[in-house]
Amino acid sequence: MHLQRARPLMSLPADLVEALSVAPGSVKLFVATSQNPDVEGAMRNLSELASRMEHARKAGCWIEAISLRLQYQDMWLRTYFENSGPKEERQREFGRLLRQCFEQGLHKALYDRLARFNKARIQAIHGFMVGSIAYGDLQTVVTDSDGLSEDLAEFVLLNSGQVVTLQDLEGRHANRGDQIFHLPSCIEHLRGRGPML
C-alpha cells in the first residue's frame, strides 16, 4: 500500500488498522526513496508488472522479461537501501547498488544469486547485440532466475522497514510515497504465486 501524500497515518484503511490491532508487529512502514516523485505513476506501472512479465514470457520477448525483472529487483534493492543500514549516497548502477546492499546486510546467498543474474543479464543482452548468443538462448537467463525477485522482496520485507503499531501511528505523518505492508499477506502472496517477477 502506498500512501499518496502527507497525511495522518490514523486515516489508514480499516483492514490495516484491524491487522495492527490483532497481530502487533505484522505491519511495517517503508520510507520512500528520494528518486520516486511520481507515486501514482509508479503504483500504476507496478500494478501492471506481473501481467506484462507474463505477456513477455508467453511472447518469447526475453530482453523485455529480463529488463522487467531487473527493474523490479532494483526497486526492492532501493527500498532495502533506504530502510536499513547507515545512510550514504545510493549508487544508481545495479551492480554497485547490489554491493551497497550487501554491505548493509543483504544475505550472502541472495547477493550471490542476484550478482549471477546481473552478470548473465549483461552477457546475454550484450552478447545478443554482438552476435555471440542467439535470441532464443536468452530464455535461459529468465528461467534460471525464476523466483529470485520474490526471494528478494521477501528478504527486504522481513529484514528492513519499521515495525508499526497503532500506538506508533498517533500523530505521525507519512511522506509522499511511503509504503505500509501487512507482512503475512505479502509473504503469502510472494510464495503462493510461483516465480513470476
N, C-alpha and C. Protein backbone atom coordinates (compact mmCIF):
# COMPACT_ATOMS: atom_id res chain seq x y z
N MET A 1 0.83 -1.16 0.00
CA MET A 1 0.00 0.00 0.00
C MET A 1 0.89 1.24 0.00
N HIS A 2 0.68 2.12 -0.91
CA HIS A 2 1.40 3.39 -0.95
C HIS A 2 0.55 4.46 -0.30
N LEU A 3 1.17 5.32 0.46
CA LEU A 3 0.47 6.48 0.99
C LEU A 3 0.68 7.61 0.00
N GLN A 4 -0.39 8.17 -0.49
CA GLN A 4 -0.35 9.11 -1.61
C GLN A 4 0.26 10.45 -1.26
N ARG A 5 0.02 10.97 -0.09
CA ARG A 5 0.50 12.30 0.27
C ARG A 5 0.65 12.37 1.78
N ALA A 6 1.32 13.37 2.26
CA ALA A 6 1.48 13.52 3.70
C ALA A 6 0.10 13.66 4.34
N ARG A 7 -0.18 12.77 5.26
CA ARG A 7 -1.45 12.79 5.97
C ARG A 7 -1.28 12.00 7.25
N PRO A 8 -2.14 12.21 8.23
CA PRO A 8 -2.02 11.43 9.45
C PRO A 8 -2.19 9.95 9.13
N LEU A 9 -1.32 9.11 9.69
CA LEU A 9 -1.40 7.68 9.41
C LEU A 9 -2.65 7.05 10.02
N MET A 10 -3.30 7.72 10.94
CA MET A 10 -4.51 7.15 11.54
C MET A 10 -5.66 7.08 10.55
N SER A 11 -5.53 7.68 9.37
CA SER A 11 -6.57 7.58 8.37
C SER A 11 -6.37 6.35 7.47
N LEU A 12 -5.66 5.36 7.99
CA LEU A 12 -5.43 4.13 7.25
C LEU A 12 -6.72 3.36 7.05
N PRO A 13 -6.78 2.49 6.04
CA PRO A 13 -7.96 1.66 5.83
C PRO A 13 -8.24 0.79 7.07
N ALA A 14 -9.52 0.49 7.28
CA ALA A 14 -9.94 -0.26 8.46
C ALA A 14 -9.28 -1.63 8.54
N ASP A 15 -9.09 -2.32 7.39
CA ASP A 15 -8.49 -3.65 7.44
C ASP A 15 -7.05 -3.60 7.93
N LEU A 16 -6.34 -2.54 7.63
CA LEU A 16 -4.96 -2.41 8.10
C LEU A 16 -4.93 -2.06 9.59
N VAL A 17 -5.84 -1.21 10.02
CA VAL A 17 -5.94 -0.89 11.44
C VAL A 17 -6.29 -2.16 12.22
N GLU A 18 -7.19 -2.98 11.68
CA GLU A 18 -7.53 -4.24 12.34
C GLU A 18 -6.32 -5.15 12.42
N ALA A 19 -5.54 -5.24 11.34
CA ALA A 19 -4.35 -6.08 11.35
C ALA A 19 -3.36 -5.61 12.41
N LEU A 20 -3.21 -4.31 12.54
CA LEU A 20 -2.32 -3.76 13.57
C LEU A 20 -2.81 -4.12 14.97
N SER A 21 -4.13 -4.16 15.15
CA SER A 21 -4.70 -4.46 16.46
C SER A 21 -4.59 -5.93 16.80
N VAL A 22 -4.84 -6.78 15.82
CA VAL A 22 -4.89 -8.23 16.04
C VAL A 22 -3.51 -8.85 16.12
N ALA A 23 -2.60 -8.43 15.28
CA ALA A 23 -1.27 -9.06 15.22
C ALA A 23 -0.19 -7.99 15.27
N PRO A 24 0.13 -7.49 16.46
CA PRO A 24 1.20 -6.50 16.57
C PRO A 24 2.49 -7.00 15.93
N GLY A 25 3.16 -6.12 15.22
CA GLY A 25 4.41 -6.49 14.57
C GLY A 25 4.23 -7.06 13.18
N SER A 26 2.99 -7.18 12.72
CA SER A 26 2.75 -7.76 11.40
C SER A 26 2.73 -6.72 10.29
N VAL A 27 2.87 -5.46 10.65
CA VAL A 27 2.82 -4.37 9.67
C VAL A 27 4.11 -3.57 9.77
N LYS A 28 4.68 -3.24 8.59
CA LYS A 28 5.89 -2.43 8.56
C LYS A 28 5.70 -1.23 7.65
N LEU A 29 6.38 -0.16 8.02
CA LEU A 29 6.41 1.07 7.23
C LEU A 29 7.77 1.15 6.54
N PHE A 30 7.76 1.45 5.25
CA PHE A 30 8.98 1.62 4.47
C PHE A 30 8.98 3.03 3.92
N VAL A 31 10.02 3.79 4.25
CA VAL A 31 10.08 5.17 3.78
C VAL A 31 10.37 5.19 2.28
N ALA A 32 9.88 6.22 1.64
CA ALA A 32 10.03 6.36 0.19
C ALA A 32 11.47 6.67 -0.18
N THR A 33 11.85 6.23 -1.36
CA THR A 33 13.16 6.62 -1.89
C THR A 33 13.03 8.01 -2.48
N SER A 34 14.12 8.72 -2.52
CA SER A 34 14.07 10.10 -2.98
C SER A 34 13.91 10.22 -4.50
N GLN A 35 14.12 9.12 -5.22
CA GLN A 35 14.02 9.17 -6.68
C GLN A 35 12.69 8.66 -7.21
N ASN A 36 11.61 8.85 -6.48
CA ASN A 36 10.32 8.38 -6.95
C ASN A 36 9.28 9.49 -6.79
N PRO A 37 9.38 10.55 -7.61
CA PRO A 37 8.48 11.68 -7.43
C PRO A 37 7.05 11.42 -7.91
N ASP A 38 6.86 10.52 -8.88
CA ASP A 38 5.53 10.27 -9.43
C ASP A 38 4.95 9.00 -8.81
N VAL A 39 4.45 9.12 -7.60
CA VAL A 39 3.95 7.97 -6.86
C VAL A 39 2.81 7.28 -7.59
N GLU A 40 1.87 8.06 -8.09
CA GLU A 40 0.71 7.47 -8.76
C GLU A 40 1.14 6.68 -9.99
N GLY A 41 2.04 7.27 -10.79
CA GLY A 41 2.53 6.57 -11.98
C GLY A 41 3.27 5.30 -11.63
N ALA A 42 4.08 5.37 -10.58
CA ALA A 42 4.81 4.18 -10.15
C ALA A 42 3.86 3.08 -9.69
N MET A 43 2.83 3.46 -8.94
CA MET A 43 1.84 2.47 -8.48
C MET A 43 1.12 1.84 -9.66
N ARG A 44 0.74 2.66 -10.61
CA ARG A 44 0.02 2.17 -11.80
C ARG A 44 0.90 1.18 -12.57
N ASN A 45 2.16 1.54 -12.78
CA ASN A 45 3.07 0.67 -13.53
C ASN A 45 3.36 -0.62 -12.77
N LEU A 46 3.53 -0.52 -11.46
CA LEU A 46 3.80 -1.71 -10.66
C LEU A 46 2.62 -2.66 -10.69
N SER A 47 1.40 -2.13 -10.72
CA SER A 47 0.22 -3.00 -10.76
C SER A 47 0.13 -3.77 -12.07
N GLU A 48 0.78 -3.28 -13.12
CA GLU A 48 0.77 -3.94 -14.42
C GLU A 48 1.95 -4.90 -14.61
N LEU A 49 2.89 -4.86 -13.69
CA LEU A 49 4.16 -5.57 -13.91
C LEU A 49 3.99 -7.07 -14.12
N ALA A 50 3.21 -7.73 -13.28
CA ALA A 50 3.06 -9.18 -13.39
C ALA A 50 2.44 -9.56 -14.74
N SER A 51 1.42 -8.83 -15.17
CA SER A 51 0.79 -9.17 -16.45
C SER A 51 1.73 -8.87 -17.62
N ARG A 52 2.52 -7.82 -17.52
CA ARG A 52 3.49 -7.52 -18.58
C ARG A 52 4.59 -8.59 -18.64
N MET A 53 5.02 -9.05 -17.46
CA MET A 53 6.04 -10.09 -17.43
C MET A 53 5.48 -11.39 -18.03
N GLU A 54 4.25 -11.72 -17.67
CA GLU A 54 3.62 -12.93 -18.22
C GLU A 54 3.50 -12.82 -19.74
N HIS A 55 3.09 -11.66 -20.23
CA HIS A 55 2.97 -11.45 -21.67
C HIS A 55 4.34 -11.59 -22.36
N ALA A 56 5.37 -10.99 -21.78
CA ALA A 56 6.71 -11.07 -22.36
C ALA A 56 7.18 -12.52 -22.44
N ARG A 57 6.92 -13.28 -21.39
CA ARG A 57 7.33 -14.70 -21.38
C ARG A 57 6.58 -15.48 -22.45
N LYS A 58 5.26 -15.32 -22.51
CA LYS A 58 4.45 -16.07 -23.48
C LYS A 58 4.83 -15.71 -24.91
N ALA A 59 5.19 -14.45 -25.13
CA ALA A 59 5.55 -13.99 -26.48
C ALA A 59 7.01 -14.26 -26.82
N GLY A 60 7.77 -14.75 -25.84
CA GLY A 60 9.19 -15.00 -26.09
C GLY A 60 10.01 -13.72 -26.22
N CYS A 61 9.55 -12.67 -25.57
CA CYS A 61 10.27 -11.39 -25.59
C CYS A 61 11.24 -11.37 -24.40
N TRP A 62 12.37 -12.03 -24.57
CA TRP A 62 13.27 -12.32 -23.45
C TRP A 62 14.00 -11.08 -22.94
N ILE A 63 14.36 -10.17 -23.82
CA ILE A 63 15.02 -8.95 -23.35
C ILE A 63 14.04 -8.13 -22.52
N GLU A 64 12.79 -8.06 -22.95
CA GLU A 64 11.75 -7.37 -22.17
C GLU A 64 11.59 -8.03 -20.80
N ALA A 65 11.52 -9.35 -20.76
CA ALA A 65 11.36 -10.08 -19.49
C ALA A 65 12.56 -9.83 -18.57
N ILE A 66 13.75 -9.88 -19.12
CA ILE A 66 14.97 -9.63 -18.33
C ILE A 66 14.95 -8.21 -17.79
N SER A 67 14.58 -7.25 -18.62
CA SER A 67 14.57 -5.85 -18.20
C SER A 67 13.52 -5.58 -17.12
N LEU A 68 12.34 -6.16 -17.28
CA LEU A 68 11.30 -6.00 -16.26
C LEU A 68 11.76 -6.60 -14.93
N ARG A 69 12.36 -7.76 -14.99
CA ARG A 69 12.85 -8.42 -13.77
C ARG A 69 13.92 -7.55 -13.10
N LEU A 70 14.83 -7.03 -13.89
CA LEU A 70 15.88 -6.19 -13.35
C LEU A 70 15.30 -4.95 -12.66
N GLN A 71 14.32 -4.31 -13.29
CA GLN A 71 13.73 -3.10 -12.71
C GLN A 71 13.00 -3.40 -11.41
N TYR A 72 12.31 -4.53 -11.35
CA TYR A 72 11.62 -4.94 -10.12
C TYR A 72 12.63 -5.20 -9.01
N GLN A 73 13.71 -5.88 -9.32
CA GLN A 73 14.75 -6.13 -8.33
C GLN A 73 15.41 -4.83 -7.88
N ASP A 74 15.66 -3.94 -8.81
CA ASP A 74 16.25 -2.64 -8.48
C ASP A 74 15.35 -1.87 -7.51
N MET A 75 14.04 -1.93 -7.73
CA MET A 75 13.11 -1.25 -6.84
C MET A 75 13.23 -1.79 -5.41
N TRP A 76 13.33 -3.12 -5.28
CA TRP A 76 13.44 -3.72 -3.94
C TRP A 76 14.80 -3.43 -3.31
N LEU A 77 15.85 -3.40 -4.12
CA LEU A 77 17.15 -3.04 -3.56
C LEU A 77 17.15 -1.60 -3.07
N ARG A 78 16.53 -0.69 -3.82
CA ARG A 78 16.44 0.71 -3.38
C ARG A 78 15.64 0.81 -2.09
N THR A 79 14.56 0.03 -2.00
CA THR A 79 13.75 0.02 -0.77
C THR A 79 14.59 -0.47 0.40
N TYR A 80 15.34 -1.54 0.20
CA TYR A 80 16.20 -2.06 1.27
C TYR A 80 17.25 -1.03 1.67
N PHE A 81 17.88 -0.43 0.69
CA PHE A 81 18.94 0.54 0.96
C PHE A 81 18.40 1.72 1.78
N GLU A 82 17.23 2.23 1.40
CA GLU A 82 16.65 3.39 2.10
C GLU A 82 16.16 3.04 3.50
N ASN A 83 15.88 1.77 3.76
CA ASN A 83 15.24 1.38 5.00
C ASN A 83 16.10 0.52 5.91
N SER A 84 17.40 0.51 5.68
CA SER A 84 18.30 -0.24 6.56
C SER A 84 19.70 0.37 6.48
N GLY A 85 20.46 0.11 7.50
CA GLY A 85 21.87 0.47 7.48
C GLY A 85 22.16 1.95 7.52
N PRO A 86 23.46 2.27 7.51
CA PRO A 86 23.89 3.67 7.54
C PRO A 86 23.54 4.38 6.24
N LYS A 87 23.33 5.65 6.35
CA LYS A 87 22.97 6.42 5.16
C LYS A 87 24.21 6.95 4.45
N GLU A 88 24.31 6.65 3.21
CA GLU A 88 25.33 7.19 2.32
C GLU A 88 24.64 7.42 0.99
N GLU A 89 25.33 7.99 0.06
CA GLU A 89 24.71 8.21 -1.24
C GLU A 89 24.50 6.89 -1.95
N ARG A 90 23.27 6.69 -2.44
CA ARG A 90 22.94 5.44 -3.12
C ARG A 90 23.52 5.44 -4.52
N GLN A 91 24.14 4.34 -4.87
CA GLN A 91 24.65 4.16 -6.23
C GLN A 91 23.48 3.85 -7.17
N ARG A 92 23.55 4.34 -8.37
CA ARG A 92 22.45 4.15 -9.33
C ARG A 92 22.61 2.88 -10.16
N GLU A 93 23.83 2.48 -10.46
CA GLU A 93 24.07 1.30 -11.28
C GLU A 93 23.76 0.05 -10.46
N PHE A 94 23.05 -0.92 -11.06
CA PHE A 94 22.53 -2.07 -10.35
C PHE A 94 23.60 -2.83 -9.57
N GLY A 95 24.71 -3.14 -10.20
CA GLY A 95 25.76 -3.90 -9.55
C GLY A 95 26.34 -3.19 -8.34
N ARG A 96 26.50 -1.89 -8.45
CA ARG A 96 27.04 -1.11 -7.32
C ARG A 96 26.02 -1.01 -6.18
N LEU A 97 24.75 -0.80 -6.54
CA LEU A 97 23.70 -0.77 -5.53
C LEU A 97 23.61 -2.13 -4.83
N LEU A 98 23.71 -3.19 -5.59
CA LEU A 98 23.69 -4.54 -5.01
C LEU A 98 24.81 -4.69 -3.99
N ARG A 99 25.99 -4.21 -4.33
CA ARG A 99 27.13 -4.29 -3.41
C ARG A 99 26.87 -3.47 -2.14
N GLN A 100 26.31 -2.27 -2.30
CA GLN A 100 25.97 -1.45 -1.14
C GLN A 100 24.98 -2.18 -0.22
N CYS A 101 24.00 -2.82 -0.82
CA CYS A 101 23.01 -3.54 -0.02
C CYS A 101 23.65 -4.72 0.70
N PHE A 102 24.59 -5.38 0.05
CA PHE A 102 25.32 -6.48 0.70
C PHE A 102 26.07 -5.94 1.92
N GLU A 103 26.69 -4.80 1.77
CA GLU A 103 27.43 -4.19 2.87
C GLU A 103 26.50 -3.74 4.00
N GLN A 104 25.22 -3.55 3.70
CA GLN A 104 24.23 -3.18 4.72
C GLN A 104 23.51 -4.39 5.29
N GLY A 105 23.87 -5.60 4.86
CA GLY A 105 23.28 -6.77 5.48
C GLY A 105 22.52 -7.72 4.57
N LEU A 106 22.47 -7.45 3.27
CA LEU A 106 21.82 -8.39 2.35
C LEU A 106 22.49 -9.74 2.48
N HIS A 107 21.70 -10.78 2.62
CA HIS A 107 22.22 -12.13 2.84
C HIS A 107 23.15 -12.55 1.70
N LYS A 108 24.27 -13.19 2.05
CA LYS A 108 25.31 -13.56 1.07
C LYS A 108 24.78 -14.45 -0.04
N ALA A 109 23.99 -15.46 0.30
CA ALA A 109 23.47 -16.36 -0.74
C ALA A 109 22.56 -15.61 -1.71
N LEU A 110 21.75 -14.69 -1.19
CA LEU A 110 20.87 -13.90 -2.05
C LEU A 110 21.69 -12.93 -2.89
N TYR A 111 22.69 -12.32 -2.27
CA TYR A 111 23.60 -11.44 -3.01
C TYR A 111 24.25 -12.20 -4.17
N ASP A 112 24.74 -13.41 -3.91
CA ASP A 112 25.39 -14.20 -4.96
C ASP A 112 24.44 -14.51 -6.10
N ARG A 113 23.21 -14.86 -5.79
CA ARG A 113 22.22 -15.16 -6.83
C ARG A 113 21.90 -13.93 -7.67
N LEU A 114 21.75 -12.78 -7.00
CA LEU A 114 21.48 -11.54 -7.73
C LEU A 114 22.66 -11.12 -8.59
N ALA A 115 23.87 -11.31 -8.08
CA ALA A 115 25.08 -10.98 -8.85
C ALA A 115 25.19 -11.89 -10.08
N ARG A 116 24.85 -13.17 -9.92
CA ARG A 116 24.87 -14.09 -11.08
C ARG A 116 23.86 -13.67 -12.13
N PHE A 117 22.65 -13.30 -11.67
CA PHE A 117 21.63 -12.83 -12.61
C PHE A 117 22.11 -11.58 -13.35
N ASN A 118 22.69 -10.65 -12.61
CA ASN A 118 23.15 -9.41 -13.24
C ASN A 118 24.23 -9.69 -14.27
N LYS A 119 25.16 -10.57 -13.93
CA LYS A 119 26.22 -10.93 -14.88
C LYS A 119 25.64 -11.62 -16.11
N ALA A 120 24.71 -12.54 -15.89
CA ALA A 120 24.07 -13.24 -17.01
C ALA A 120 23.27 -12.28 -17.87
N ARG A 121 22.61 -11.33 -17.23
CA ARG A 121 21.83 -10.31 -17.95
C ARG A 121 22.73 -9.50 -18.87
N ILE A 122 23.84 -9.04 -18.33
CA ILE A 122 24.77 -8.23 -19.13
C ILE A 122 25.34 -9.04 -20.28
N GLN A 123 25.78 -10.24 -19.97
CA GLN A 123 26.36 -11.10 -21.02
C GLN A 123 25.33 -11.44 -22.09
N ALA A 124 24.10 -11.70 -21.66
CA ALA A 124 23.06 -12.09 -22.62
C ALA A 124 22.70 -10.94 -23.55
N ILE A 125 22.42 -9.78 -22.99
CA ILE A 125 21.96 -8.67 -23.82
C ILE A 125 23.09 -8.16 -24.70
N HIS A 126 24.27 -7.99 -24.13
CA HIS A 126 25.40 -7.53 -24.95
C HIS A 126 25.82 -8.62 -25.93
N GLY A 127 25.75 -9.88 -25.49
CA GLY A 127 26.08 -11.00 -26.38
C GLY A 127 25.15 -11.07 -27.57
N PHE A 128 23.88 -10.80 -27.35
CA PHE A 128 22.93 -10.78 -28.45
C PHE A 128 23.29 -9.67 -29.44
N MET A 129 23.64 -8.51 -28.91
CA MET A 129 23.93 -7.38 -29.78
C MET A 129 25.19 -7.60 -30.62
N VAL A 130 26.17 -8.33 -30.10
CA VAL A 130 27.39 -8.56 -30.87
C VAL A 130 27.38 -9.90 -31.59
N GLY A 131 26.28 -10.66 -31.43
CA GLY A 131 26.12 -11.89 -32.19
C GLY A 131 26.68 -13.15 -31.56
N SER A 132 27.09 -13.09 -30.31
CA SER A 132 27.66 -14.29 -29.69
C SER A 132 26.60 -15.17 -29.03
N ILE A 133 25.34 -14.73 -29.01
CA ILE A 133 24.26 -15.53 -28.46
C ILE A 133 23.01 -15.31 -29.31
N ALA A 134 22.28 -16.40 -29.54
CA ALA A 134 21.03 -16.31 -30.29
C ALA A 134 19.92 -15.80 -29.38
N TYR A 135 18.95 -15.11 -29.96
CA TYR A 135 17.88 -14.52 -29.16
C TYR A 135 17.16 -15.57 -28.32
N GLY A 136 16.84 -16.69 -28.89
CA GLY A 136 16.13 -17.75 -28.17
C GLY A 136 16.87 -18.25 -26.95
N ASP A 137 18.20 -18.15 -26.99
CA ASP A 137 19.01 -18.61 -25.85
C ASP A 137 18.90 -17.68 -24.65
N LEU A 138 18.34 -16.48 -24.84
CA LEU A 138 18.15 -15.55 -23.73
C LEU A 138 17.11 -16.06 -22.74
N GLN A 139 16.27 -16.99 -23.18
CA GLN A 139 15.25 -17.57 -22.29
C GLN A 139 15.89 -18.16 -21.04
N THR A 140 17.08 -18.72 -21.18
CA THR A 140 17.77 -19.34 -20.05
C THR A 140 18.01 -18.33 -18.93
N VAL A 141 18.33 -17.10 -19.27
CA VAL A 141 18.56 -16.07 -18.25
C VAL A 141 17.29 -15.85 -17.44
N VAL A 142 16.14 -15.90 -18.11
CA VAL A 142 14.87 -15.71 -17.43
C VAL A 142 14.56 -16.92 -16.55
N THR A 143 14.60 -18.11 -17.12
CA THR A 143 14.22 -19.29 -16.35
C THR A 143 15.20 -19.59 -15.22
N ASP A 144 16.48 -19.31 -15.42
CA ASP A 144 17.46 -19.55 -14.36
C ASP A 144 17.28 -18.60 -13.18
N SER A 145 16.62 -17.47 -13.40
CA SER A 145 16.42 -16.50 -12.32
C SER A 145 14.98 -16.49 -11.80
N ASP A 146 14.18 -17.46 -12.21
CA ASP A 146 12.82 -17.56 -11.69
C ASP A 146 12.84 -17.70 -10.17
N GLY A 147 11.99 -16.96 -9.50
CA GLY A 147 11.88 -17.00 -8.05
C GLY A 147 12.82 -16.05 -7.33
N LEU A 148 13.81 -15.54 -8.01
CA LEU A 148 14.79 -14.66 -7.38
C LEU A 148 14.17 -13.34 -6.92
N SER A 149 13.33 -12.75 -7.74
CA SER A 149 12.69 -11.48 -7.37
C SER A 149 11.81 -11.64 -6.15
N GLU A 150 11.06 -12.73 -6.10
CA GLU A 150 10.19 -12.98 -4.95
C GLU A 150 11.02 -13.19 -3.68
N ASP A 151 12.14 -13.90 -3.81
CA ASP A 151 13.01 -14.11 -2.65
C ASP A 151 13.60 -12.79 -2.17
N LEU A 152 13.96 -11.91 -3.09
CA LEU A 152 14.49 -10.60 -2.71
C LEU A 152 13.42 -9.77 -2.00
N ALA A 153 12.21 -9.73 -2.57
CA ALA A 153 11.13 -8.96 -1.95
C ALA A 153 10.86 -9.46 -0.53
N GLU A 154 10.82 -10.78 -0.35
CA GLU A 154 10.57 -11.35 0.97
C GLU A 154 11.69 -10.96 1.95
N PHE A 155 12.94 -11.04 1.49
CA PHE A 155 14.06 -10.67 2.36
C PHE A 155 13.94 -9.21 2.80
N VAL A 156 13.64 -8.33 1.86
CA VAL A 156 13.53 -6.90 2.18
C VAL A 156 12.40 -6.67 3.17
N LEU A 157 11.25 -7.30 2.93
CA LEU A 157 10.12 -7.13 3.83
C LEU A 157 10.44 -7.59 5.24
N LEU A 158 11.15 -8.69 5.36
CA LEU A 158 11.44 -9.26 6.68
C LEU A 158 12.63 -8.61 7.38
N ASN A 159 13.53 -7.99 6.63
CA ASN A 159 14.80 -7.53 7.21
C ASN A 159 15.04 -6.04 7.15
N SER A 160 14.04 -5.27 6.83
CA SER A 160 14.17 -3.81 6.85
C SER A 160 12.80 -3.21 7.14
N GLY A 161 12.73 -1.90 7.12
CA GLY A 161 11.48 -1.23 7.43
C GLY A 161 11.29 -1.07 8.93
N GLN A 162 10.26 -0.36 9.30
CA GLN A 162 9.97 -0.09 10.70
C GLN A 162 8.66 -0.78 11.09
N VAL A 163 8.74 -1.65 12.08
CA VAL A 163 7.53 -2.27 12.59
C VAL A 163 6.67 -1.17 13.20
N VAL A 164 5.38 -1.20 12.90
CA VAL A 164 4.48 -0.17 13.43
C VAL A 164 3.36 -0.80 14.23
N THR A 165 2.88 -0.06 15.21
CA THR A 165 1.71 -0.42 15.99
C THR A 165 0.76 0.75 15.94
N LEU A 166 -0.45 0.53 16.39
CA LEU A 166 -1.42 1.64 16.42
C LEU A 166 -0.90 2.78 17.28
N GLN A 167 -0.24 2.46 18.39
CA GLN A 167 0.28 3.50 19.27
C GLN A 167 1.35 4.33 18.57
N ASP A 168 2.17 3.67 17.73
CA ASP A 168 3.22 4.39 17.00
C ASP A 168 2.64 5.42 16.03
N LEU A 169 1.44 5.14 15.54
CA LEU A 169 0.90 5.94 14.45
C LEU A 169 0.25 7.24 14.90
N GLU A 170 -0.09 7.33 16.15
CA GLU A 170 -0.78 8.54 16.63
C GLU A 170 0.07 9.78 16.40
N GLY A 171 -0.45 10.70 15.63
CA GLY A 171 0.23 11.96 15.39
C GLY A 171 1.34 11.90 14.36
N ARG A 172 1.69 10.73 13.87
CA ARG A 172 2.76 10.61 12.88
C ARG A 172 2.20 10.90 11.49
N HIS A 173 3.01 11.51 10.67
CA HIS A 173 2.60 11.79 9.29
C HIS A 173 3.48 10.99 8.35
N ALA A 174 2.88 10.59 7.26
CA ALA A 174 3.62 9.85 6.24
C ALA A 174 4.15 10.81 5.19
N ASN A 175 5.25 10.44 4.60
CA ASN A 175 5.78 11.20 3.47
C ASN A 175 5.21 10.62 2.18
N ARG A 176 5.14 11.45 1.18
CA ARG A 176 4.63 11.01 -0.11
C ARG A 176 5.43 9.81 -0.61
N GLY A 177 4.73 8.73 -0.91
CA GLY A 177 5.38 7.53 -1.43
C GLY A 177 5.75 6.50 -0.38
N ASP A 178 5.62 6.83 0.92
CA ASP A 178 5.87 5.82 1.95
C ASP A 178 4.92 4.64 1.72
N GLN A 179 5.36 3.48 2.11
CA GLN A 179 4.56 2.27 1.90
C GLN A 179 4.36 1.55 3.23
N ILE A 180 3.19 0.98 3.38
CA ILE A 180 2.90 0.14 4.54
C ILE A 180 2.52 -1.23 4.00
N PHE A 181 3.16 -2.26 4.55
CA PHE A 181 2.90 -3.63 4.13
C PHE A 181 2.44 -4.48 5.31
N HIS A 182 1.40 -5.26 5.09
CA HIS A 182 0.99 -6.28 6.05
C HIS A 182 1.80 -7.53 5.69
N LEU A 183 2.78 -7.84 6.52
CA LEU A 183 3.77 -8.86 6.18
C LEU A 183 3.17 -10.23 5.90
N PRO A 184 2.29 -10.77 6.75
CA PRO A 184 1.79 -12.13 6.47
C PRO A 184 1.13 -12.26 5.10
N SER A 185 0.29 -11.29 4.72
CA SER A 185 -0.39 -11.41 3.43
C SER A 185 0.60 -11.19 2.27
N CYS A 186 1.57 -10.30 2.44
CA CYS A 186 2.57 -10.08 1.38
C CYS A 186 3.43 -11.32 1.17
N ILE A 187 3.89 -11.93 2.27
CA ILE A 187 4.73 -13.13 2.16
C ILE A 187 3.93 -14.27 1.54
N GLU A 188 2.69 -14.42 1.97
CA GLU A 188 1.84 -15.48 1.40
C GLU A 188 1.67 -15.26 -0.11
N HIS A 189 1.46 -14.02 -0.51
CA HIS A 189 1.30 -13.70 -1.93
C HIS A 189 2.59 -14.03 -2.71
N LEU A 190 3.74 -13.63 -2.17
CA LEU A 190 5.01 -13.89 -2.86
C LEU A 190 5.28 -15.38 -3.00
N ARG A 191 4.98 -16.15 -1.97
CA ARG A 191 5.24 -17.58 -2.00
C ARG A 191 4.19 -18.35 -2.79
N GLY A 192 2.97 -17.83 -2.86
CA GLY A 192 1.87 -18.57 -3.43
C GLY A 192 1.69 -18.46 -4.92
N ARG A 193 2.28 -17.46 -5.53
CA ARG A 193 2.01 -17.25 -6.95
C ARG A 193 3.00 -17.95 -7.86
N GLY A 194 4.08 -18.50 -7.31
CA GLY A 194 5.10 -19.10 -8.16
C GLY A 194 5.97 -18.02 -8.75
N PRO A 195 7.11 -18.40 -9.30
CA PRO A 195 8.01 -17.38 -9.84
C PRO A 195 7.38 -16.65 -11.01
N MET A 196 7.32 -15.36 -10.92
CA MET A 196 6.76 -14.57 -12.00
C MET A 196 7.58 -13.33 -12.26
N LEU A 197 7.89 -12.59 -11.23
CA LEU A 197 8.61 -11.35 -11.42
C LEU A 197 10.08 -11.59 -11.30
